[in-house]
Amino acid sequence: MDGRGRDLRSLREATALSPSRFAYRSQSYPSGFLFSSVSFGKVASVALVQLALRAPKGLGASLTMALFAGAVAFGLARGGHFDAFAATYGDPRSVVARLAGFDIRSVTISGLSTLDEQSVLKAAALDAADSLPFLDVDALRSRLLEVPMIRDVAVRKFYPNALSIGIVENKPYALWQLNGDLSVVGVDGRVIGPMDDAAFADLPLVVGEGAAVHIGEFVALLDAQPEVRSLVRAGIRVGDRRWTLKLFNGFDVVLPEENPAQAIARLAVMVRDQKVLTKDLVSIDLRQSDRIVLRLTEAAAATRADLLKARAKAKGGPA
């Protein structure tokens, strides 16, 4: 200690990375303000050095590029040249990202069986000016979903340069007849194309306005009753509210708007136990839960009328 009560220690022992090895204490400043100021400056310097040593590789370059992008964007906006620049070179953000090595160099497409890669890329509308960080995945997915043959899409980015597109194709699911035109539709009801292939002849057939949109509902009703499904030629959508089944033997089965599955179950019982398909009928109306309305053929109706007259005459009633 010197004559003023201070500790003396060599300054050479202190280094930038070990400031705690040097301590300065003084009895002359009870508030410790000077000590705090000097120590804070040293600690801040050391912290900055340590932060620089621990920073990820390339951080400085990235920050520089970000600063450059900001300066370019600001200059273009202030100078009124932003739109012209974007039209020529693309989004300034993407320009900087491409310069930083985040351009799209490979696109992998999976899930194709009917479609081809070129048609998918064309629908995706990818541009050479695009960059991976600023590629709008939602917009890309929306563009692809506009293709009738595509039912679902998954898009993933793999940095720094790869893009993956997973396709779920919209398979031919049913036939839809509207105003005399016959089309092939997918499970989502969207038209895939015209019916021009005999291979689709066995697909379920629906007819009428709105029928294609409800194709999944119609097929589910028939799948629940396999013995009825084999009898159905087509499903006719009436008023976009309910179904009428057209059977192969010419019968019309009128289903209710509410709970058509229960009505089809009743029809299955009638077919199996009452042999209703052997009757001289034109239609079966199942819209009422407590009764069934049967409509006879004209010949059967005439025969029944003659029979009723004969019975009435036999009982002494009017002829």
Foldseek 3Di string as FASTA:
>chain_A
DDPQPWDDDDPVVADLQCNVVDDGDHPPDVVCPVVVVVVVVSVVVSVVVVCVVPDDPCPVVVVVLVVVLVVVVVVCVVVVNQVVCCVVQNHSVLVSLVVVPQFADEEAEDDDDPDDPVVLCVQLPDDRSGGQVPDDPVVSQVSNCVQQQFDGWDWDDDPRHYIYIYTHTFDFAAWEAEPRFIFTHGPQLDGNGGPDDCVRVPHAYEYDPLCSNCVNVVVVLCVVPVVVVVFFRHWYQDPVQATWTQGPVQEIEAAASPPSSVLVVVVSCCCPPVVVVVAQFNYWYSRDPVDIDTHGDPVVVVVVVVVVVVVCVVVVHDD
